């Protein structure tokens, strides 16, 4: 099923659908250990950014929306420039 942002789906409804999916249930049953760091996902044709709680779930979500909705997405990386106020 191909959808676009103009249809009834929202980023939050895509995430909700993913959490009900068999792919997510398999992840839960596998007892995977992953870093708990928010991963922002930009879904093409949507203004919102999806926030997933770890890299494993983010990767599964990207694959899920590609398979189920034919939506492309990318991980949004923000470069961090540390503010050095006290150089050694």
N, C-alpha and C. Protein backbone atom coordinates (compact mmCIF):
# COMPACT_ATOMS: atom_id res chain seq x y z
N UNK A 1 0.84 -1.17 0.00
CA UNK A 1 0.00 0.00 0.00
C UNK A 1 0.90 1.24 0.00
N UNK A 2 0.75 2.07 -1.00
CA UNK A 2 1.52 3.31 -1.08
C UNK A 2 0.68 4.42 -0.45
N UNK A 3 1.28 5.17 0.48
CA UNK A 3 0.56 6.28 1.09
C UNK A 3 1.42 7.53 1.01
N UNK A 4 0.78 8.64 1.17
CA UNK A 4 1.51 9.92 1.21
C UNK A 4 1.02 10.69 2.42
N UNK A 5 1.70 11.80 2.70
CA UNK A 5 1.36 12.60 3.86
C UNK A 5 -0.05 13.18 3.76
N UNK A 6 -0.57 13.31 2.56
CA UNK A 6 -1.89 13.89 2.38
C UNK A 6 -3.00 12.92 2.78
N UNK A 7 -2.66 11.65 2.94
CA UNK A 7 -3.66 10.67 3.34
C UNK A 7 -3.85 10.69 4.85
N UNK A 8 -4.66 9.80 5.34
CA UNK A 8 -5.05 9.78 6.74
C UNK A 8 -3.94 9.38 7.72
N UNK A 9 -2.86 8.83 7.23
CA UNK A 9 -1.78 8.37 8.12
C UNK A 9 -0.96 9.55 8.63
N UNK A 10 -0.49 9.41 9.84
CA UNK A 10 0.45 10.36 10.43
C UNK A 10 1.66 9.57 10.90
N UNK A 11 2.71 10.26 11.26
CA UNK A 11 3.90 9.58 11.76
C UNK A 11 3.54 8.78 13.02
N UNK A 12 2.76 9.38 13.90
CA UNK A 12 2.40 8.67 15.13
C UNK A 12 1.56 7.42 14.83
N UNK A 13 0.70 7.47 13.81
CA UNK A 13 -0.08 6.27 13.49
C UNK A 13 0.80 5.19 12.85
N UNK A 14 1.82 5.60 12.09
CA UNK A 14 2.77 4.62 11.55
C UNK A 14 3.53 3.92 12.67
N UNK A 15 3.96 4.70 13.66
CA UNK A 15 4.66 4.13 14.82
C UNK A 15 3.73 3.18 15.57
N UNK A 16 2.49 3.60 15.76
CA UNK A 16 1.50 2.76 16.45
C UNK A 16 1.31 1.44 15.71
N UNK A 17 1.15 1.51 14.39
CA UNK A 17 1.00 0.29 13.58
C UNK A 17 2.23 -0.61 13.71
N UNK A 18 3.40 0.00 13.71
CA UNK A 18 4.65 -0.77 13.84
C UNK A 18 4.68 -1.51 15.18
N UNK A 19 4.30 -0.83 16.26
CA UNK A 19 4.33 -1.47 17.57
C UNK A 19 3.33 -2.62 17.68
N UNK A 20 2.33 -2.67 16.82
CA UNK A 20 1.38 -3.78 16.79
C UNK A 20 1.82 -4.88 15.83
N UNK A 21 2.89 -4.65 15.09
CA UNK A 21 3.30 -5.58 14.03
C UNK A 21 4.00 -6.83 14.56
N UNK A 22 4.01 -7.84 13.71
CA UNK A 22 4.71 -9.09 14.03
C UNK A 22 6.22 -8.84 14.17
N UNK A 23 6.76 -7.94 13.33
CA UNK A 23 8.19 -7.62 13.39
C UNK A 23 8.59 -7.11 14.77
N UNK A 24 7.77 -6.23 15.33
CA UNK A 24 8.08 -5.69 16.66
C UNK A 24 7.92 -6.77 17.73
N UNK A 25 6.92 -7.62 17.61
CA UNK A 25 6.72 -8.69 18.59
C UNK A 25 7.90 -9.66 18.58
N UNK A 26 8.44 -9.94 17.41
CA UNK A 26 9.63 -10.80 17.31
C UNK A 26 10.80 -10.15 18.03
N UNK A 27 10.95 -8.83 17.85
CA UNK A 27 12.01 -8.09 18.54
C UNK A 27 11.84 -8.24 20.06
N UNK A 28 10.63 -8.07 20.56
CA UNK A 28 10.39 -8.18 22.00
C UNK A 28 10.72 -9.58 22.51
N UNK A 29 10.34 -10.58 21.75
CA UNK A 29 10.58 -11.97 22.16
C UNK A 29 12.06 -12.32 22.13
N UNK A 30 12.83 -11.62 21.30
CA UNK A 30 14.26 -11.91 21.17
C UNK A 30 15.08 -11.37 22.34
N UNK A 31 14.50 -10.52 23.15
CA UNK A 31 15.19 -9.96 24.32
C UNK A 31 16.52 -9.31 23.92
N UNK A 32 16.46 -8.45 22.91
CA UNK A 32 17.64 -7.76 22.38
C UNK A 32 18.07 -6.65 23.32
N UNK A 33 19.37 -6.52 23.51
CA UNK A 33 19.92 -5.43 24.31
C UNK A 33 20.51 -4.40 23.35
N UNK A 34 20.10 -3.14 23.52
CA UNK A 34 20.57 -2.07 22.64
C UNK A 34 20.71 -0.79 23.44
N UNK A 35 21.58 0.08 22.95
CA UNK A 35 21.73 1.39 23.59
C UNK A 35 20.39 2.12 23.56
N UNK A 36 20.07 2.77 24.65
CA UNK A 36 18.82 3.54 24.70
C UNK A 36 19.14 4.99 24.34
N UNK A 37 19.05 5.26 23.07
CA UNK A 37 19.33 6.59 22.54
C UNK A 37 18.29 6.88 21.47
N UNK A 38 17.65 8.03 21.54
CA UNK A 38 16.60 8.37 20.59
C UNK A 38 17.19 8.49 19.18
N UNK A 39 16.51 7.87 18.22
CA UNK A 39 16.94 7.89 16.83
C UNK A 39 15.85 8.59 16.01
N UNK A 40 16.16 9.79 15.49
CA UNK A 40 15.18 10.50 14.68
C UNK A 40 15.15 9.97 13.25
N UNK A 41 13.95 9.69 12.75
CA UNK A 41 13.76 9.16 11.40
C UNK A 41 12.90 10.14 10.61
N UNK A 42 13.42 10.62 9.50
CA UNK A 42 12.66 11.50 8.60
C UNK A 42 12.04 10.63 7.53
N UNK A 43 10.71 10.62 7.48
CA UNK A 43 9.98 9.83 6.49
C UNK A 43 9.65 10.75 5.33
N UNK A 44 10.04 10.32 4.13
CA UNK A 44 9.79 11.12 2.93
C UNK A 44 8.30 11.46 2.82
N UNK A 45 8.00 12.67 2.45
CA UNK A 45 6.66 13.23 2.23
C UNK A 45 5.91 13.54 3.54
N UNK A 46 6.55 13.39 4.68
CA UNK A 46 5.95 13.77 5.96
C UNK A 46 6.76 14.92 6.58
N UNK A 47 6.07 15.84 7.23
CA UNK A 47 6.76 16.96 7.88
C UNK A 47 7.32 16.57 9.24
N UNK A 48 6.65 15.64 9.90
CA UNK A 48 7.09 15.21 11.23
C UNK A 48 8.29 14.28 11.15
N UNK A 49 9.02 14.22 12.25
CA UNK A 49 10.14 13.28 12.38
C UNK A 49 9.74 12.25 13.42
N UNK A 50 9.90 10.99 13.09
CA UNK A 50 9.61 9.91 14.03
C UNK A 50 10.79 9.77 14.99
N UNK A 51 10.51 9.58 16.26
CA UNK A 51 11.55 9.38 17.27
C UNK A 51 11.42 7.96 17.80
N UNK A 52 12.43 7.15 17.54
CA UNK A 52 12.43 5.76 18.01
C UNK A 52 13.44 5.61 19.14
N UNK A 53 13.17 4.73 20.12
CA UNK A 53 13.96 4.69 21.35
C UNK A 53 15.33 4.02 21.28
N UNK A 54 15.64 3.33 20.19
CA UNK A 54 16.98 2.76 20.08
C UNK A 54 17.27 2.39 18.61
N UNK A 55 18.53 2.19 18.28
CA UNK A 55 18.90 1.91 16.88
C UNK A 55 18.30 0.63 16.31
N UNK A 56 18.10 -0.39 17.12
CA UNK A 56 17.53 -1.64 16.63
C UNK A 56 16.08 -1.43 16.22
N UNK A 57 15.30 -0.79 17.09
CA UNK A 57 13.91 -0.51 16.77
C UNK A 57 13.82 0.44 15.58
N UNK A 58 14.70 1.43 15.51
CA UNK A 58 14.70 2.36 14.37
C UNK A 58 14.91 1.62 13.06
N UNK A 59 15.86 0.70 13.04
CA UNK A 59 16.13 -0.07 11.83
C UNK A 59 14.92 -0.94 11.45
N UNK A 60 14.31 -1.57 12.44
CA UNK A 60 13.11 -2.37 12.18
C UNK A 60 11.97 -1.51 11.64
N UNK A 61 11.81 -0.30 12.21
CA UNK A 61 10.76 0.62 11.77
C UNK A 61 10.97 1.04 10.32
N UNK A 62 12.20 1.37 9.96
CA UNK A 62 12.52 1.77 8.59
C UNK A 62 12.15 0.64 7.62
N UNK A 63 12.53 -0.58 7.96
CA UNK A 63 12.20 -1.73 7.11
C UNK A 63 10.69 -1.96 7.05
N UNK A 64 10.02 -1.80 8.18
CA UNK A 64 8.57 -2.00 8.25
C UNK A 64 7.82 -1.02 7.35
N UNK A 65 8.11 0.27 7.46
CA UNK A 65 7.36 1.24 6.64
C UNK A 65 7.70 1.11 5.16
N UNK A 66 8.89 0.63 4.85
CA UNK A 66 9.25 0.38 3.45
C UNK A 66 8.44 -0.80 2.91
N UNK A 67 8.37 -1.87 3.72
CA UNK A 67 7.67 -3.08 3.30
C UNK A 67 6.15 -2.88 3.26
N UNK A 68 5.59 -2.29 4.30
CA UNK A 68 4.14 -2.18 4.43
C UNK A 68 3.53 -1.00 3.67
N UNK A 69 4.26 0.10 3.58
CA UNK A 69 3.69 1.33 3.01
C UNK A 69 4.50 1.90 1.84
N UNK A 70 5.62 1.24 1.50
CA UNK A 70 6.50 1.69 0.44
C UNK A 70 6.98 3.13 0.66
N UNK A 71 7.30 3.44 1.92
CA UNK A 71 7.79 4.76 2.30
C UNK A 71 9.30 4.71 2.50
N UNK A 72 9.98 5.68 1.92
CA UNK A 72 11.42 5.80 2.13
C UNK A 72 11.66 6.72 3.32
N UNK A 73 12.77 6.49 3.98
CA UNK A 73 13.09 7.29 5.16
C UNK A 73 14.60 7.31 5.36
N UNK A 74 15.04 8.25 6.18
CA UNK A 74 16.46 8.36 6.51
C UNK A 74 16.61 8.72 7.99
N UNK A 75 17.71 8.30 8.54
CA UNK A 75 18.04 8.70 9.90
C UNK A 75 18.57 10.12 9.83
N UNK A 76 18.07 10.97 10.71
CA UNK A 76 18.48 12.37 10.75
C UNK A 76 19.64 12.49 11.73
N UNK A 77 20.78 12.83 11.20
CA UNK A 77 21.95 13.02 12.07
C UNK A 77 22.19 14.50 12.27
N UNK A 78 22.48 14.87 13.49
CA UNK A 78 22.85 16.25 13.80
C UNK A 78 24.26 16.23 14.34
N UNK A 79 25.10 17.00 13.69
CA UNK A 79 26.46 17.05 14.20
C UNK A 79 26.48 17.84 15.50
N UNK A 80 27.27 17.36 16.41
CA UNK A 80 27.38 18.00 17.71
C UNK A 80 28.75 18.62 17.82
N UNK A 81 28.77 19.89 18.07
CA UNK A 81 30.04 20.59 18.24
C UNK A 81 30.13 20.97 19.72
N UNK A 82 31.00 20.28 20.45
CA UNK A 82 31.08 20.57 21.89
C UNK A 82 31.56 21.99 22.14
N UNK A 83 31.00 22.58 23.15
CA UNK A 83 31.38 23.93 23.54
C UNK A 83 32.51 23.82 24.56
N UNK A 84 33.70 24.08 24.10
CA UNK A 84 34.87 23.98 24.98
C UNK A 84 35.12 25.34 25.61
N UNK A 85 34.89 25.40 26.92
CA UNK A 85 35.04 26.68 27.61
C UNK A 85 36.29 26.70 28.50
N UNK A 86 36.85 25.51 28.70
CA UNK A 86 38.01 25.43 29.58
C UNK A 86 39.06 24.52 28.97
N UNK A 87 39.78 25.04 27.93
CA UNK A 87 40.79 24.18 27.32
C UNK A 87 41.93 23.88 28.28
N UNK A 88 42.53 22.76 28.14
CA UNK A 88 43.63 22.35 29.04
C UNK A 88 44.89 23.09 28.74
